[in-house]
Amino acid sequence: MWYVYALKSLEDKNLYIGISQNPEQRLREHNLGMTKSTKSRRPFKIIFKEIAGTRMEARIKEKYYKSGIGREFLKNIGS
């Protein structure tokens, strides 16, 4: 099972949106600095996760949440 998830940086308050089969493990990896693109923005907290049956479905949802309207939705729940 795949998930799309959104993390909020406690450092700069920006969002990171990604997909994973294990969002909690992925959060640990982000917070340990194992992801180059987010290393300087640690720590993070999960503000949203949604189940997607397949990796392809997760990618489609990820693209939506990275769009303007999707980001607006996530900003409202992550306040």
PDB file of N, CA and C in Angstrom:
ATOM      1  N   MET A   1       0.836  -1.173   0.000  1.00  0.00           N
ATOM      2  CA  MET A   1       0.000   0.000   0.000  1.00  0.00           C
ATOM      3  C   MET A   1       0.887   1.245   0.000  1.00  0.00           C
ATOM      4  N   TRP A   2       0.520   2.215  -0.751  1.00  0.00           N
ATOM      5  CA  TRP A   2       1.265   3.463  -0.876  1.00  0.00           C
ATOM      6  C   TRP A   2       0.493   4.600  -0.222  1.00  0.00           C
ATOM      7  N   TYR A   3       1.228   5.623   0.184  1.00  0.00           N
ATOM      8  CA  TYR A   3       0.645   6.814   0.795  1.00  0.00           C
ATOM      9  C   TYR A   3       1.227   8.054   0.135  1.00  0.00           C
ATOM     10  N   VAL A   4       0.421   9.103   0.098  1.00  0.00           N
ATOM     11  CA  VAL A   4       0.953  10.427  -0.181  1.00  0.00           C
ATOM     12  C   VAL A   4       0.932  11.136   1.167  1.00  0.00           C
ATOM     13  N   TYR A   5       1.994  11.880   1.472  1.00  0.00           N
ATOM     14  CA  TYR A   5       2.093  12.510   2.780  1.00  0.00           C
ATOM     15  C   TYR A   5       2.605  13.937   2.630  1.00  0.00           C
ATOM     16  N   ALA A   6       2.296  14.740   3.642  1.00  0.00           N
ATOM     17  CA  ALA A   6       2.793  16.116   3.672  1.00  0.00           C
ATOM     18  C   ALA A   6       3.464  16.347   5.017  1.00  0.00           C
ATOM     19  N   LEU A   7       4.650  16.904   4.952  1.00  0.00           N
ATOM     20  CA  LEU A   7       5.406  17.259   6.148  1.00  0.00           C
ATOM     21  C   LEU A   7       5.471  18.770   6.246  1.00  0.00           C
ATOM     22  N   LYS A   8       5.454  19.270   7.451  1.00  0.00           N
ATOM     23  CA  LYS A   8       5.636  20.702   7.672  1.00  0.00           C
ATOM     24  C   LYS A   8       6.935  20.894   8.434  1.00  0.00           C
ATOM     25  N   SER A   9       7.767  21.771   7.930  1.00  0.00           N
ATOM     26  CA  SER A   9       9.030  22.084   8.587  1.00  0.00           C
ATOM     27  C   SER A   9       8.753  22.953   9.811  1.00  0.00           C
ATOM     28  N   LEU A  10       9.259  22.538  10.951  1.00  0.00           N
ATOM     29  CA  LEU A  10       9.136  23.355  12.157  1.00  0.00           C
ATOM     30  C   LEU A  10      10.148  24.502  12.141  1.00  0.00           C
ATOM     31  N   GLU A  11      11.107  24.432  11.224  1.00  0.00           N
ATOM     32  CA  GLU A  11      12.135  25.463  11.078  1.00  0.00           C
ATOM     33  C   GLU A  11      11.624  26.647  10.261  1.00  0.00           C
ATOM     34  N   ASP A  12      11.135  26.369   9.039  1.00  0.00           N
ATOM     35  CA  ASP A  12      10.721  27.468   8.157  1.00  0.00           C
ATOM     36  C   ASP A  12       9.229  27.438   7.795  1.00  0.00           C
ATOM     37  N   LYS A  13       8.477  26.487   8.345  1.00  0.00           N
ATOM     38  CA  LYS A  13       7.019  26.364   8.175  1.00  0.00           C
ATOM     39  C   LYS A  13       6.593  25.975   6.760  1.00  0.00           C
ATOM     40  N   ASN A  14       7.533  25.649   5.886  1.00  0.00           N
ATOM     41  CA  ASN A  14       7.185  25.229   4.534  1.00  0.00           C
ATOM     42  C   ASN A  14       6.793  23.760   4.507  1.00  0.00           C
ATOM     43  N   LEU A  15       6.141  23.368   3.400  1.00  0.00           N
ATOM     44  CA  LEU A  15       5.662  22.004   3.235  1.00  0.00           C
ATOM     45  C   LEU A  15       6.593  21.183   2.361  1.00  0.00           C
ATOM     46  N   TYR A  16       6.611  19.888   2.626  1.00  0.00           N
ATOM     47  CA  TYR A  16       7.252  18.919   1.751  1.00  0.00           C
ATOM     48  C   TYR A  16       6.218  17.843   1.495  1.00  0.00           C
ATOM     49  N   ILE A  17       5.991  17.506   0.233  1.00  0.00           N
ATOM     50  CA  ILE A  17       4.984  16.523  -0.156  1.00  0.00           C
ATOM     51  C   ILE A  17       5.688  15.383  -0.868  1.00  0.00           C
ATOM     52  N   GLY A  18       5.367  14.149  -0.467  1.00  0.00           N
ATOM     53  CA  GLY A  18       6.016  12.995  -1.066  1.00  0.00           C
ATOM     54  C   GLY A  18       5.141  11.761  -1.003  1.00  0.00           C
ATOM     55  N   ILE A  19       5.686  10.652  -1.507  1.00  0.00           N
ATOM     56  CA  ILE A  19       4.983   9.370  -1.454  1.00  0.00           C
ATOM     57  C   ILE A  19       5.895   8.338  -0.807  1.00  0.00           C
ATOM     58  N   SER A  20       5.272   7.358  -0.162  1.00  0.00           N
ATOM     59  CA  SER A  20       6.041   6.312   0.501  1.00  0.00           C
ATOM     60  C   SER A  20       5.119   5.162   0.860  1.00  0.00           C
ATOM     61  N   GLN A  21       5.717   3.996   1.055  1.00  0.00           N
ATOM     62  CA  GLN A  21       4.961   2.874   1.582  1.00  0.00           C
ATOM     63  C   GLN A  21       4.945   2.904   3.106  1.00  0.00           C
ATOM     64  N   ASN A  22       5.801   3.712   3.710  1.00  0.00           N
ATOM     65  CA  ASN A  22       5.873   3.808   5.159  1.00  0.00           C
ATOM     66  C   ASN A  22       6.170   5.273   5.529  1.00  0.00           C
ATOM     67  N   PRO A  23       5.130   6.111   5.630  1.00  0.00           N
ATOM     68  CA  PRO A  23       5.359   7.537   5.898  1.00  0.00           C
ATOM     69  C   PRO A  23       6.072   7.828   7.221  1.00  0.00           C
ATOM     70  N   GLU A  24       5.814   7.008   8.247  1.00  0.00           N
ATOM     71  CA  GLU A  24       6.466   7.248   9.533  1.00  0.00           C
ATOM     72  C   GLU A  24       7.984   7.011   9.437  1.00  0.00           C
ATOM     73  N   GLN A  25       8.379   5.964   8.725  1.00  0.00           N
ATOM     74  CA  GLN A  25       9.804   5.704   8.509  1.00  0.00           C
ATOM     75  C   GLN A  25      10.418   6.823   7.657  1.00  0.00           C
ATOM     76  N   ARG A  26       9.671   7.265   6.670  1.00  0.00           N
ATOM     77  CA  ARG A  26      10.157   8.343   5.802  1.00  0.00           C
ATOM     78  C   ARG A  26      10.357   9.632   6.602  1.00  0.00           C
ATOM     79  N   LEU A  27       9.434   9.909   7.536  1.00  0.00           N
ATOM     80  CA  LEU A  27       9.579  11.077   8.406  1.00  0.00           C
ATOM     81  C   LEU A  27      10.879  10.974   9.213  1.00  0.00           C
ATOM     82  N   ARG A  28      11.160   9.799   9.771  1.00  0.00           N
ATOM     83  CA  ARG A  28      12.408   9.610  10.518  1.00  0.00           C
ATOM     84  C   ARG A  28      13.619   9.898   9.637  1.00  0.00           C
ATOM     85  N   GLU A  29      13.574   9.416   8.394  1.00  0.00           N
ATOM     86  CA  GLU A  29      14.690   9.649   7.474  1.00  0.00           C
ATOM     87  C   GLU A  29      14.867  11.142   7.193  1.00  0.00           C
ATOM     88  N   HIS A  30      13.752  11.846   6.979  1.00  0.00           N
ATOM     89  CA  HIS A  30      13.845  13.298   6.761  1.00  0.00           C
ATOM     90  C   HIS A  30      14.441  13.979   7.995  1.00  0.00           C
ATOM     91  N   ASN A  31      13.968  13.611   9.179  1.00  0.00           N
ATOM     92  CA  ASN A  31      14.432  14.259  10.401  1.00  0.00           C
ATOM     93  C   ASN A  31      15.869  13.899  10.776  1.00  0.00           C
ATOM     94  N   LEU A  32      16.362  12.775  10.283  1.00  0.00           N
ATOM     95  CA  LEU A  32      17.767  12.404  10.510  1.00  0.00           C
ATOM     96  C   LEU A  32      18.708  13.038   9.485  1.00  0.00           C
ATOM     97  N   GLY A  33      18.151  13.763   8.516  1.00  0.00           N
ATOM     98  CA  GLY A  33      18.971  14.430   7.508  1.00  0.00           C
ATOM     99  C   GLY A  33      19.412  13.526   6.380  1.00  0.00           C
ATOM    100  N   MET A  34      18.703  12.428   6.168  1.00  0.00           N
ATOM    101  CA  MET A  34      19.082  11.467   5.130  1.00  0.00           C
ATOM    102  C   MET A  34      18.575  11.867   3.743  1.00  0.00           C
ATOM    103  N   THR A  35      17.782  12.932   3.670  1.00  0.00           N
ATOM    104  CA  THR A  35      17.240  13.409   2.398  1.00  0.00           C
ATOM    105  C   THR A  35      17.857  14.765   2.103  1.00  0.00           C
ATOM    106  N   LYS A  36      18.658  14.829   1.057  1.00  0.00           N
ATOM    107  CA  LYS A  36      19.417  16.034   0.729  1.00  0.00           C
ATOM    108  C   LYS A  36      18.530  17.272   0.586  1.00  0.00           C
ATOM    109  N   SER A  37      17.373  17.108  -0.075  1.00  0.00           N
ATOM    110  CA  SER A  37      16.528  18.268  -0.366  1.00  0.00           C
ATOM    111  C   SER A  37      15.856  18.856   0.875  1.00  0.00           C
ATOM    112  N   THR A  38      15.785  18.110   1.970  1.00  0.00           N
ATOM    113  CA  THR A  38      15.116  18.624   3.162  1.00  0.00           C
ATOM    114  C   THR A  38      16.045  18.752   4.368  1.00  0.00           C
ATOM    115  N   LYS A  39      17.282  18.400   4.205  1.00  0.00           N
ATOM    116  CA  LYS A  39      18.229  18.345   5.324  1.00  0.00           C
ATOM    117  C   LYS A  39      18.311  19.663   6.092  1.00  0.00           C
ATOM    118  N   SER A  40      18.316  20.777   5.401  1.00  0.00           N
ATOM    119  CA  SER A  40      18.479  22.077   6.054  1.00  0.00           C
ATOM    120  C   SER A  40      17.182  22.612   6.658  1.00  0.00           C
ATOM    121  N   ARG A  41      16.070  21.915   6.447  1.00  0.00           N
ATOM    122  CA  ARG A  41      14.773  22.412   6.912  1.00  0.00           C
ATOM    123  C   ARG A  41      14.229  21.623   8.099  1.00  0.00           C
ATOM    124  N   ARG A  42      15.030  20.735   8.678  1.00  0.00           N
ATOM    125  CA  ARG A  42      14.602  19.901   9.791  1.00  0.00           C
ATOM    126  C   ARG A  42      14.342  20.741  11.030  1.00  0.00           C
ATOM    127  N   PRO A  43      13.523  20.246  11.949  1.00  0.00           N
ATOM    128  CA  PRO A  43      12.740  19.010  11.970  1.00  0.00           C
ATOM    129  C   PRO A  43      11.391  19.179  11.262  1.00  0.00           C
ATOM    130  N   PHE A  44      10.771  18.046  10.994  1.00  0.00           N
ATOM    131  CA  PHE A  44       9.465  18.008  10.334  1.00  0.00           C
ATOM    132  C   PHE A  44       8.453  17.284  11.205  1.00  0.00           C
ATOM    133  N   LYS A  45       7.187  17.563  10.925  1.00  0.00           N
ATOM    134  CA  LYS A  45       6.103  16.770  11.491  1.00  0.00           C
ATOM    135  C   LYS A  45       5.145  16.423  10.354  1.00  0.00           C
ATOM    136  N   ILE A  46       4.510  15.263  10.454  1.00  0.00           N
ATOM    137  CA  ILE A  46       3.509  14.874   9.457  1.00  0.00           C
ATOM    138  C   ILE A  46       2.225  15.634   9.756  1.00  0.00           C
ATOM    139  N   ILE A  47       1.704  16.324   8.743  1.00  0.00           N
ATOM    140  CA  ILE A  47       0.432  17.015   8.927  1.00  0.00           C
ATOM    141  C   ILE A  47      -0.691  16.351   8.138  1.00  0.00           C
ATOM    142  N   PHE A  48      -0.314  15.438   7.210  1.00  0.00           N
ATOM    143  CA  PHE A  48      -1.331  14.827   6.355  1.00  0.00           C
ATOM    144  C   PHE A  48      -0.772  13.560   5.742  1.00  0.00           C
ATOM    145  N   LYS A  49      -1.616  12.539   5.681  1.00  0.00           N
ATOM    146  CA  LYS A  49      -1.278  11.356   4.881  1.00  0.00           C
ATOM    147  C   LYS A  49      -2.574  10.758   4.368  1.00  0.00           C
ATOM    148  N   GLU A  50      -2.496  10.224   3.166  1.00  0.00           N
ATOM    149  CA  GLU A  50      -3.661   9.670   2.485  1.00  0.00           C
ATOM    150  C   GLU A  50      -3.257   8.370   1.806  1.00  0.00           C
ATOM    151  N   ILE A  51      -4.081   7.362   1.959  1.00  0.00           N
ATOM    152  CA  ILE A  51      -3.814   6.063   1.342  1.00  0.00           C
ATOM    153  C   ILE A  51      -4.067   6.133  -0.155  1.00  0.00           C
ATOM    154  N   ALA A  52      -3.166   5.532  -0.900  1.00  0.00           N
ATOM    155  CA  ALA A  52      -3.334   5.356  -2.347  1.00  0.00           C
ATOM    156  C   ALA A  52      -2.978   3.898  -2.628  1.00  0.00           C
ATOM    157  N   GLY A  53      -3.813   3.196  -3.323  1.00  0.00           N
ATOM    158  CA  GLY A  53      -3.614   1.769  -3.522  1.00  0.00           C
ATOM    159  C   GLY A  53      -2.315   1.394  -4.216  1.00  0.00           C
ATOM    160  N   THR A  54      -1.967   2.120  -5.260  1.00  0.00           N
ATOM    161  CA  THR A  54      -0.776   1.795  -6.039  1.00  0.00           C
ATOM    162  C   THR A  54       0.177   2.984  -6.052  1.00  0.00           C
ATOM    163  N   ARG A  55       1.404   2.715  -6.485  1.00  0.00           N
ATOM    164  CA  ARG A  55       2.386   3.795  -6.597  1.00  0.00           C
ATOM    165  C   ARG A  55       1.922   4.844  -7.609  1.00  0.00           C
ATOM    166  N   MET A  56       1.311   4.397  -8.694  1.00  0.00           N
ATOM    167  CA  MET A  56       0.816   5.329  -9.713  1.00  0.00           C
ATOM    168  C   MET A  56      -0.273   6.241  -9.131  1.00  0.00           C
ATOM    169  N   GLU A  57      -1.190   5.673  -8.355  1.00  0.00           N
ATOM    170  CA  GLU A  57      -2.232   6.494  -7.725  1.00  0.00           C
ATOM    171  C   GLU A  57      -1.617   7.494  -6.752  1.00  0.00           C
ATOM    172  N   ALA A  58      -0.605   7.057  -6.021  1.00  0.00           N
ATOM    173  CA  ALA A  58       0.080   7.948  -5.083  1.00  0.00           C
ATOM    174  C   ALA A  58       0.749   9.106  -5.829  1.00  0.00           C
ATOM    175  N   ARG A  59       1.375   8.826  -6.964  1.00  0.00           N
ATOM    176  CA  ARG A  59       2.030   9.885  -7.762  1.00  0.00           C
ATOM    177  C   ARG A  59       1.008  10.905  -8.281  1.00  0.00           C
ATOM    178  N   ILE A  60      -0.158  10.414  -8.695  1.00  0.00           N
ATOM    179  CA  ILE A  60      -1.212  11.322  -9.181  1.00  0.00           C
ATOM    180  C   ILE A  60      -1.673  12.238  -8.047  1.00  0.00           C
ATOM    181  N   LYS A  61      -1.892  11.650  -6.865  1.00  0.00           N
ATOM    182  CA  LYS A  61      -2.309  12.449  -5.711  1.00  0.00           C
ATOM    183  C   LYS A  61      -1.202  13.414  -5.288  1.00  0.00           C
ATOM    184  N   GLU A  62       0.048  12.962  -5.351  1.00  0.00           N
ATOM    185  CA  GLU A  62       1.176  13.826  -5.011  1.00  0.00           C
ATOM    186  C   GLU A  62       1.198  15.052  -5.926  1.00  0.00           C
ATOM    187  N   LYS A  63       1.000  14.836  -7.207  1.00  0.00           N
ATOM    188  CA  LYS A  63       0.982  15.964  -8.147  1.00  0.00           C
ATOM    189  C   LYS A  63      -0.140  16.939  -7.809  1.00  0.00           C
ATOM    190  N   TYR A  64      -1.305  16.400  -7.411  1.00  0.00           N
ATOM    191  CA  TYR A  64      -2.416  17.276  -7.035  1.00  0.00           C
ATOM    192  C   TYR A  64      -2.037  18.122  -5.823  1.00  0.00           C
ATOM    193  N   TYR A  65      -1.488  17.487  -4.787  1.00  0.00           N
ATOM    194  CA  TYR A  65      -1.158  18.229  -3.567  1.00  0.00           C
ATOM    195  C   TYR A  65       0.012  19.193  -3.764  1.00  0.00           C
ATOM    196  N   LYS A  66       0.786  18.993  -4.817  1.00  0.00           N
ATOM    197  CA  LYS A  66       1.851  19.941  -5.147  1.00  0.00           C
ATOM    198  C   LYS A  66       1.339  21.095  -6.002  1.00  0.00           C
ATOM    199  N   SER A  67       0.101  20.992  -6.493  1.00  0.00           N
ATOM    200  CA  SER A  67      -0.493  22.070  -7.290  1.00  0.00           C
ATOM    201  C   SER A  67      -0.941  23.196  -6.358  1.00  0.00           C
ATOM    202  N   GLY A  68      -1.312  24.306  -6.935  1.00  0.00           N
ATOM    203  CA  GLY A  68      -1.752  25.459  -6.142  1.00  0.00           C
ATOM    204  C   GLY A  68      -2.920  25.150  -5.228  1.00  0.00           C
ATOM    205  N   ILE A  69      -3.954  24.535  -5.757  1.00  0.00           N
ATOM    206  CA  ILE A  69      -5.144  24.238  -4.950  1.00  0.00           C
ATOM    207  C   ILE A  69      -4.856  23.173  -3.899  1.00  0.00           C
ATOM    208  N   GLY A  70      -4.035  22.197  -4.243  1.00  0.00           N
ATOM    209  CA  GLY A  70      -3.665  21.169  -3.278  1.00  0.00           C
ATOM    210  C   GLY A  70      -2.835  21.727  -2.136  1.00  0.00           C
ATOM    211  N   ARG A  71      -1.879  22.597  -2.456  1.00  0.00           N
ATOM    212  CA  ARG A  71      -1.047  23.228  -1.420  1.00  0.00           C
ATOM    213  C   ARG A  71      -1.899  24.109  -0.509  1.00  0.00           C
ATOM    214  N   GLU A  72      -2.861  24.799  -1.091  1.00  0.00           N
ATOM    215  CA  GLU A  72      -3.742  25.655  -0.296  1.00  0.00           C
ATOM    216  C   GLU A  72      -4.511  24.812   0.724  1.00  0.00           C
ATOM    217  N   PHE A  73      -5.012  23.650   0.289  1.00  0.00           N
ATOM    218  CA  PHE A  73      -5.699  22.736   1.188  1.00  0.00           C
ATOM    219  C   PHE A  73      -4.771  22.315   2.332  1.00  0.00           C
ATOM    220  N   LEU A  74      -3.547  21.938   2.004  1.00  0.00           N
ATOM    221  CA  LEU A  74      -2.597  21.489   3.030  1.00  0.00           C
ATOM    222  C   LEU A  74      -2.187  22.602   3.970  1.00  0.00           C
ATOM    223  N   LYS A  75      -2.050  23.818   3.471  1.00  0.00           N
ATOM    224  CA  LYS A  75      -1.705  24.939   4.347  1.00  0.00           C
ATOM    225  C   LYS A  75      -2.809  25.194   5.356  1.00  0.00           C
ATOM    226  N   ASN A  76      -4.060  25.019   4.937  1.00  0.00           N
ATOM    227  CA  ASN A  76      -5.180  25.252   5.854  1.00  0.00           C
ATOM    228  C   ASN A  76      -5.240  24.207   6.958  1.00  0.00           C
ATOM    229  N   ILE A  77      -4.870  22.942   6.665  1.00  0.00           N
ATOM    230  CA  ILE A  77      -4.919  21.928   7.715  1.00  0.00           C
ATOM    231  C   ILE A  77      -3.649  21.933   8.559  1.00  0.00           C
ATOM    232  N   GLY A  78      -2.584  22.508   8.042  1.00  0.00           N
ATOM    233  CA  GLY A  78      -1.313  22.493   8.756  1.00  0.00           C
ATOM    234  C   GLY A  78      -1.067  23.725   9.608  1.00  0.00           C
ATOM    235  N   SER A  79      -2.067  24.559   9.767  1.00  0.00           N
ATOM    236  CA  SER A  79      -1.890  25.811  10.528  1.00  0.00           C
ATOM    237  C   SER A  79      -1.728  25.579  11.993  1.00  0.00           C
TER     238      SER A  79
END
